[in-house]
Amino acid sequence: MLPAEDSLPVALVEGWPVPNPESAVVLRESGITLGEIMLNDEEWPTLRSSPVYSVRIDDHAANDGWTTTEPDGTKTHHEVAIPTSPVLVPPEVLDGARSLSDWVWSTHGAVGRLLLWSDRPTWWIVQEPDLELTFLCSPAGMFNDASDVLSWWGIGTDGARTEVNELCARYGVKRP
């Protein structure tokens, strides 16, 4: 399943958002599960400054789920119906990576490709946990303009490095 293209703030090309005109894209490292977006402390207020929307932009099943085993051996299964329309992100979860990640898991599941954007939309963020990366597209100075060094780069597969290099070339990102 994919979201309806007319519900997105930007066009997608091969599953990735097109950059906004007059904006720059920077590369950030992310966690390995959906919603683990690692922003600097001073960047979180930007997310809270206007309503934020989210949707999965990968081709995904209608549902996602996982099973948790408690210390006593009890197993709990969690099932999530993944929305294909944009969802308003509650402002209270935009205070840090952990609260956002918990909300994303319960709303969009734990894997996939996530797109977040402001209601204007002056910026967007796309996270791809399989590559442990996030791209931020925004006007200069809205977020930190420096890209991250990906900690896994030296031990990653050739395929993953090639994919990151191709995405960086697409977005004009100069990797540090």
C-alpha atoms as a PDB file:
ATOM      1  CA  MET A   1       0.000   0.000   0.000  1.00  0.00           C
ATOM      2  CA  LEU A   2       1.130   3.528  -0.766  1.00  0.00           C
ATOM      3  CA  PRO A   3      -0.348   6.876   0.254  1.00  0.00           C
ATOM      4  CA  ALA A   4      -2.372   8.782  -2.313  1.00  0.00           C
ATOM      5  CA  GLU A   5       0.093  11.098  -4.057  1.00  0.00           C
ATOM      6  CA  ASP A   6      -2.370  14.002  -3.880  1.00  0.00           C
ATOM      7  CA  SER A   7      -2.324  13.759  -0.063  1.00  0.00           C
ATOM      8  CA  LEU A   8       1.431  14.433   0.121  1.00  0.00           C
ATOM      9  CA  PRO A   9       3.055  17.871   0.337  1.00  0.00           C
ATOM     10  CA  VAL A  10       5.688  16.904  -2.265  1.00  0.00           C
ATOM     11  CA  ALA A  11       5.950  14.551  -5.201  1.00  0.00           C
ATOM     12  CA  LEU A  12       7.721  11.223  -4.792  1.00  0.00           C
ATOM     13  CA  VAL A  13      10.216   9.888  -7.314  1.00  0.00           C
ATOM     14  CA  GLU A  14      11.128   6.228  -6.862  1.00  0.00           C
ATOM     15  CA  GLY A  15       9.767   6.384  -3.304  1.00  0.00           C
ATOM     16  CA  TRP A  16      11.685   9.485  -2.216  1.00  0.00           C
ATOM     17  CA  PRO A  17      10.367  13.067  -1.862  1.00  0.00           C
ATOM     18  CA  VAL A  18      11.392  15.767  -4.294  1.00  0.00           C
ATOM     19  CA  PRO A  19      13.260  18.641  -2.583  1.00  0.00           C
ATOM     20  CA  ASN A  20      11.443  21.931  -2.050  1.00  0.00           C
ATOM     21  CA  PRO A  21      12.679  24.749  -4.290  1.00  0.00           C
ATOM     22  CA  GLU A  22      15.169  27.053  -2.584  1.00  0.00           C
ATOM     23  CA  SER A  23      15.763  24.501   0.191  1.00  0.00           C
ATOM     24  CA  ALA A  24      18.795  22.413   1.019  1.00  0.00           C
ATOM     25  CA  VAL A  25      18.876  18.755   2.022  1.00  0.00           C
ATOM     26  CA  VAL A  26      21.155  17.452   4.767  1.00  0.00           C
ATOM     27  CA  LEU A  27      21.898  13.889   5.835  1.00  0.00           C
ATOM     28  CA  ARG A  28      21.462  12.738   9.414  1.00  0.00           C
ATOM     29  CA  GLU A  29      21.977   9.429  11.092  1.00  0.00           C
ATOM     30  CA  SER A  30      18.862   7.785  12.494  1.00  0.00           C
ATOM     31  CA  GLY A  31      17.980   4.794  14.579  1.00  0.00           C
ATOM     32  CA  ILE A  32      17.144   1.380  13.184  1.00  0.00           C
ATOM     33  CA  THR A  33      13.400   1.558  13.773  1.00  0.00           C
ATOM     34  CA  LEU A  34      10.793   3.856  12.324  1.00  0.00           C
ATOM     35  CA  GLY A  35      10.519   7.190  14.117  1.00  0.00           C
ATOM     36  CA  GLU A  36      14.004   7.194  15.670  1.00  0.00           C
ATOM     37  CA  ILE A  37      14.842  10.603  14.274  1.00  0.00           C
ATOM     38  CA  MET A  38      17.909  12.077  15.913  1.00  0.00           C
ATOM     39  CA  LEU A  39      17.754  15.846  15.949  1.00  0.00           C
ATOM     40  CA  ASN A  40      19.898  18.167  18.031  1.00  0.00           C
ATOM     41  CA  ASP A  41      18.193  19.578  21.129  1.00  0.00           C
ATOM     42  CA  GLU A  42      17.920  23.018  19.543  1.00  0.00           C
ATOM     43  CA  GLU A  43      16.110  21.564  16.484  1.00  0.00           C
ATOM     44  CA  TRP A  44      13.097  20.045  18.264  1.00  0.00           C
ATOM     45  CA  PRO A  45      11.408  23.456  18.773  1.00  0.00           C
ATOM     46  CA  THR A  46      11.248  23.813  14.971  1.00  0.00           C
ATOM     47  CA  LEU A  47       9.068  20.712  14.867  1.00  0.00           C
ATOM     48  CA  ARG A  48       6.820  22.153  17.569  1.00  0.00           C
ATOM     49  CA  SER A  49       6.444  25.559  15.872  1.00  0.00           C
ATOM     50  CA  SER A  50       3.611  24.432  13.567  1.00  0.00           C
ATOM     51  CA  PRO A  51       1.416  21.368  13.055  1.00  0.00           C
ATOM     52  CA  VAL A  52       3.349  18.348  11.755  1.00  0.00           C
ATOM     53  CA  TYR A  53       1.997  15.514   9.629  1.00  0.00           C
ATOM     54  CA  SER A  54       3.347  12.034   8.978  1.00  0.00           C
ATOM     55  CA  VAL A  55       2.745   9.115   6.637  1.00  0.00           C
ATOM     56  CA  ARG A  56       4.604   6.001   5.497  1.00  0.00           C
ATOM     57  CA  ILE A  57       5.797   6.383   1.904  1.00  0.00           C
ATOM     58  CA  ASP A  58       7.099   2.864   1.333  1.00  0.00           C
ATOM     59  CA  ASP A  59       5.018   0.138  -0.288  1.00  0.00           C
ATOM     60  CA  HIS A  60       3.768  -1.639   2.826  1.00  0.00           C
ATOM     61  CA  ALA A  61       1.201  -4.115   4.067  1.00  0.00           C
ATOM     62  CA  ALA A  62      -2.055  -2.850   5.566  1.00  0.00           C
ATOM     63  CA  ASN A  63      -0.908  -3.913   9.045  1.00  0.00           C
ATOM     64  CA  ASP A  64       2.326  -4.198  10.987  1.00  0.00           C
ATOM     65  CA  GLY A  65       2.861  -6.062  14.202  1.00  0.00           C
ATOM     66  CA  TRP A  66       5.341  -7.354  16.684  1.00  0.00           C
ATOM     67  CA  THR A  67       5.417  -9.609  19.720  1.00  0.00           C
ATOM     68  CA  THR A  68       6.955  -8.547  23.017  1.00  0.00           C
ATOM     69  CA  THR A  69       8.200 -11.118  25.516  1.00  0.00           C
ATOM     70  CA  GLU A  70       8.018  -9.898  29.112  1.00  0.00           C
ATOM     71  CA  PRO A  71      10.609 -10.937  31.746  1.00  0.00           C
ATOM     72  CA  ASP A  72       8.134 -13.495  33.126  1.00  0.00           C
ATOM     73  CA  GLY A  73       7.825 -15.089  29.665  1.00  0.00           C
ATOM     74  CA  THR A  74       4.405 -13.630  28.892  1.00  0.00           C
ATOM     75  CA  LYS A  75       4.051 -12.669  25.242  1.00  0.00           C
ATOM     76  CA  THR A  76       2.005  -9.712  24.040  1.00  0.00           C
ATOM     77  CA  HIS A  77       1.244  -9.184  20.361  1.00  0.00           C
ATOM     78  CA  HIS A  78       0.771  -5.629  19.057  1.00  0.00           C
ATOM     79  CA  GLU A  79      -0.972  -5.046  15.742  1.00  0.00           C
ATOM     80  CA  VAL A  80      -1.071  -1.665  13.965  1.00  0.00           C
ATOM     81  CA  ALA A  81      -3.276  -0.730  11.008  1.00  0.00           C
ATOM     82  CA  ILE A  82      -0.986   1.522   8.975  1.00  0.00           C
ATOM     83  CA  PRO A  83      -2.687   4.695   7.748  1.00  0.00           C
ATOM     84  CA  THR A  84      -2.277   5.611   4.092  1.00  0.00           C
ATOM     85  CA  SER A  85      -3.445   9.190   4.648  1.00  0.00           C
ATOM     86  CA  PRO A  86      -1.424  11.831   6.484  1.00  0.00           C
ATOM     87  CA  VAL A  87      -1.775  11.796  10.259  1.00  0.00           C
ATOM     88  CA  LEU A  88      -1.453  14.855  12.493  1.00  0.00           C
ATOM     89  CA  VAL A  89       1.415  14.243  14.919  1.00  0.00           C
ATOM     90  CA  PRO A  90       0.393  15.127  18.488  1.00  0.00           C
ATOM     91  CA  PRO A  91       2.472  18.150  19.593  1.00  0.00           C
ATOM     92  CA  GLU A  92       3.333  16.487  22.907  1.00  0.00           C
ATOM     93  CA  VAL A  93       5.377  13.783  21.138  1.00  0.00           C
ATOM     94  CA  LEU A  94       7.554  16.343  19.349  1.00  0.00           C
ATOM     95  CA  ASP A  95       9.804  16.937  22.350  1.00  0.00           C
ATOM     96  CA  GLY A  96      12.399  14.264  21.646  1.00  0.00           C
ATOM     97  CA  ALA A  97      13.354  11.140  19.772  1.00  0.00           C
ATOM     98  CA  ARG A  98      11.938   8.655  22.300  1.00  0.00           C
ATOM     99  CA  SER A  99       8.418  10.079  22.532  1.00  0.00           C
ATOM    100  CA  LEU A 100       8.202  10.539  18.754  1.00  0.00           C
ATOM    101  CA  SER A 101       9.483   7.013  18.158  1.00  0.00           C
ATOM    102  CA  ASP A 102       6.941   5.503  20.586  1.00  0.00           C
ATOM    103  CA  TRP A 103       4.089   7.352  18.853  1.00  0.00           C
ATOM    104  CA  VAL A 104       5.325   6.400  15.364  1.00  0.00           C
ATOM    105  CA  TRP A 105       5.524   2.723  16.347  1.00  0.00           C
ATOM    106  CA  SER A 106       1.952   2.733  17.624  1.00  0.00           C
ATOM    107  CA  THR A 107       0.697   4.659  14.564  1.00  0.00           C
ATOM    108  CA  HIS A 108       2.836   3.614  11.572  1.00  0.00           C
ATOM    109  CA  GLY A 109       4.594   0.445  12.760  1.00  0.00           C
ATOM    110  CA  ALA A 110       8.273  -0.216  13.365  1.00  0.00           C
ATOM    111  CA  VAL A 111       9.685  -0.461   9.842  1.00  0.00           C
ATOM    112  CA  GLY A 112       9.326   1.352   6.527  1.00  0.00           C
ATOM    113  CA  ARG A 113      10.038   4.842   5.223  1.00  0.00           C
ATOM    114  CA  LEU A 114       8.471   7.760   7.085  1.00  0.00           C
ATOM    115  CA  LEU A 115       7.761  11.265   5.803  1.00  0.00           C
ATOM    116  CA  LEU A 116       7.137  14.154   8.222  1.00  0.00           C
ATOM    117  CA  TRP A 117       6.357  17.737   7.172  1.00  0.00           C
ATOM    118  CA  SER A 118       5.113  21.041   8.478  1.00  0.00           C
ATOM    119  CA  ASP A 119       1.619  22.186   7.595  1.00  0.00           C
ATOM    120  CA  ARG A 120       2.961  25.109   5.533  1.00  0.00           C
ATOM    121  CA  PRO A 121       4.985  22.927   4.177  1.00  0.00           C
ATOM    122  CA  THR A 122       8.303  24.731   4.561  1.00  0.00           C
ATOM    123  CA  TRP A 123      10.288  21.615   5.435  1.00  0.00           C
ATOM    124  CA  TRP A 124      10.123  17.834   5.249  1.00  0.00           C
ATOM    125  CA  ILE A 125      11.985  14.974   6.900  1.00  0.00           C
ATOM    126  CA  VAL A 126      12.217  11.477   5.466  1.00  0.00           C
ATOM    127  CA  GLN A 127      13.592   8.628   7.552  1.00  0.00           C
ATOM    128  CA  GLU A 128      14.814   5.297   6.186  1.00  0.00           C
ATOM    129  CA  PRO A 129      15.730   3.037   9.125  1.00  0.00           C
ATOM    130  CA  ASP A 130      17.104   0.277   6.860  1.00  0.00           C
ATOM    131  CA  LEU A 131      19.933   2.678   5.966  1.00  0.00           C
ATOM    132  CA  GLU A 132      19.912   4.339   9.404  1.00  0.00           C
ATOM    133  CA  LEU A 133      19.502   7.742   7.814  1.00  0.00           C
ATOM    134  CA  THR A 134      17.262  10.757   7.746  1.00  0.00           C
ATOM    135  CA  PHE A 135      17.163  13.492   5.132  1.00  0.00           C
ATOM    136  CA  LEU A 136      15.989  16.962   6.174  1.00  0.00           C
ATOM    137  CA  CYS A 137      14.888  19.400   3.476  1.00  0.00           C
ATOM    138  CA  SER A 138      14.491  22.972   4.686  1.00  0.00           C
ATOM    139  CA  PRO A 139      15.456  26.571   4.019  1.00  0.00           C
ATOM    140  CA  ALA A 140      18.965  27.444   5.227  1.00  0.00           C
ATOM    141  CA  GLY A 141      19.176  27.936   8.977  1.00  0.00           C
ATOM    142  CA  MET A 142      15.878  26.251   9.874  1.00  0.00           C
ATOM    143  CA  PHE A 143      17.723  23.112  11.029  1.00  0.00           C
ATOM    144  CA  ASN A 144      21.446  22.599  11.512  1.00  0.00           C
ATOM    145  CA  ASP A 145      22.880  22.811   7.990  1.00  0.00           C
ATOM    146  CA  ALA A 146      25.652  20.238   8.587  1.00  0.00           C
ATOM    147  CA  SER A 147      25.326  16.614   7.510  1.00  0.00           C
ATOM    148  CA  ASP A 148      26.267  13.747   9.817  1.00  0.00           C
ATOM    149  CA  VAL A 149      28.930  11.122   9.357  1.00  0.00           C
ATOM    150  CA  LEU A 150      27.115   7.784   9.360  1.00  0.00           C
ATOM    151  CA  SER A 151      28.615   5.688  12.151  1.00  0.00           C
ATOM    152  CA  TRP A 152      28.073   2.435  10.239  1.00  0.00           C
ATOM    153  CA  TRP A 153      29.837   3.616   7.070  1.00  0.00           C
ATOM    154  CA  GLY A 154      33.085   1.726   7.681  1.00  0.00           C
ATOM    155  CA  ILE A 155      31.353  -1.574   8.424  1.00  0.00           C
ATOM    156  CA  GLY A 156      28.311  -1.280   6.128  1.00  0.00           C
ATOM    157  CA  THR A 157      27.757  -3.317   3.007  1.00  0.00           C
ATOM    158  CA  ASP A 158      28.827  -2.114  -0.417  1.00  0.00           C
ATOM    159  CA  GLY A 159      25.154  -2.104  -1.445  1.00  0.00           C
ATOM    160  CA  ALA A 160      24.141   0.151   1.441  1.00  0.00           C
ATOM    161  CA  ARG A 161      27.012   2.573   0.791  1.00  0.00           C
ATOM    162  CA  THR A 162      26.119   2.669  -2.925  1.00  0.00           C
ATOM    163  CA  GLU A 163      22.462   3.409  -2.111  1.00  0.00           C
ATOM    164  CA  VAL A 164      23.439   6.216   0.284  1.00  0.00           C
ATOM    165  CA  ASN A 165      25.830   7.687  -2.287  1.00  0.00           C
ATOM    166  CA  GLU A 166      23.088   7.625  -4.944  1.00  0.00           C
ATOM    167  CA  LEU A 167      20.598   9.315  -2.592  1.00  0.00           C
ATOM    168  CA  CYS A 168      23.166  11.941  -1.614  1.00  0.00           C
ATOM    169  CA  ALA A 169      23.847  12.633  -5.311  1.00  0.00           C
ATOM    170  CA  ARG A 170      20.095  12.925  -5.967  1.00  0.00           C
ATOM    171  CA  TYR A 171      19.712  15.485  -3.160  1.00  0.00           C
ATOM    172  CA  GLY A 172      23.025  17.277  -3.690  1.00  0.00           C
ATOM    173  CA  VAL A 173      24.221  16.329  -0.214  1.00  0.00           C
ATOM    174  CA  LYS A 174      27.925  16.554   0.413  1.00  0.00           C
ATOM    175  CA  ARG A 175      28.785  13.856   2.934  1.00  0.00           C
ATOM    176  CA  PRO A 176      31.355  14.872   5.527  1.00  0.00           C
END
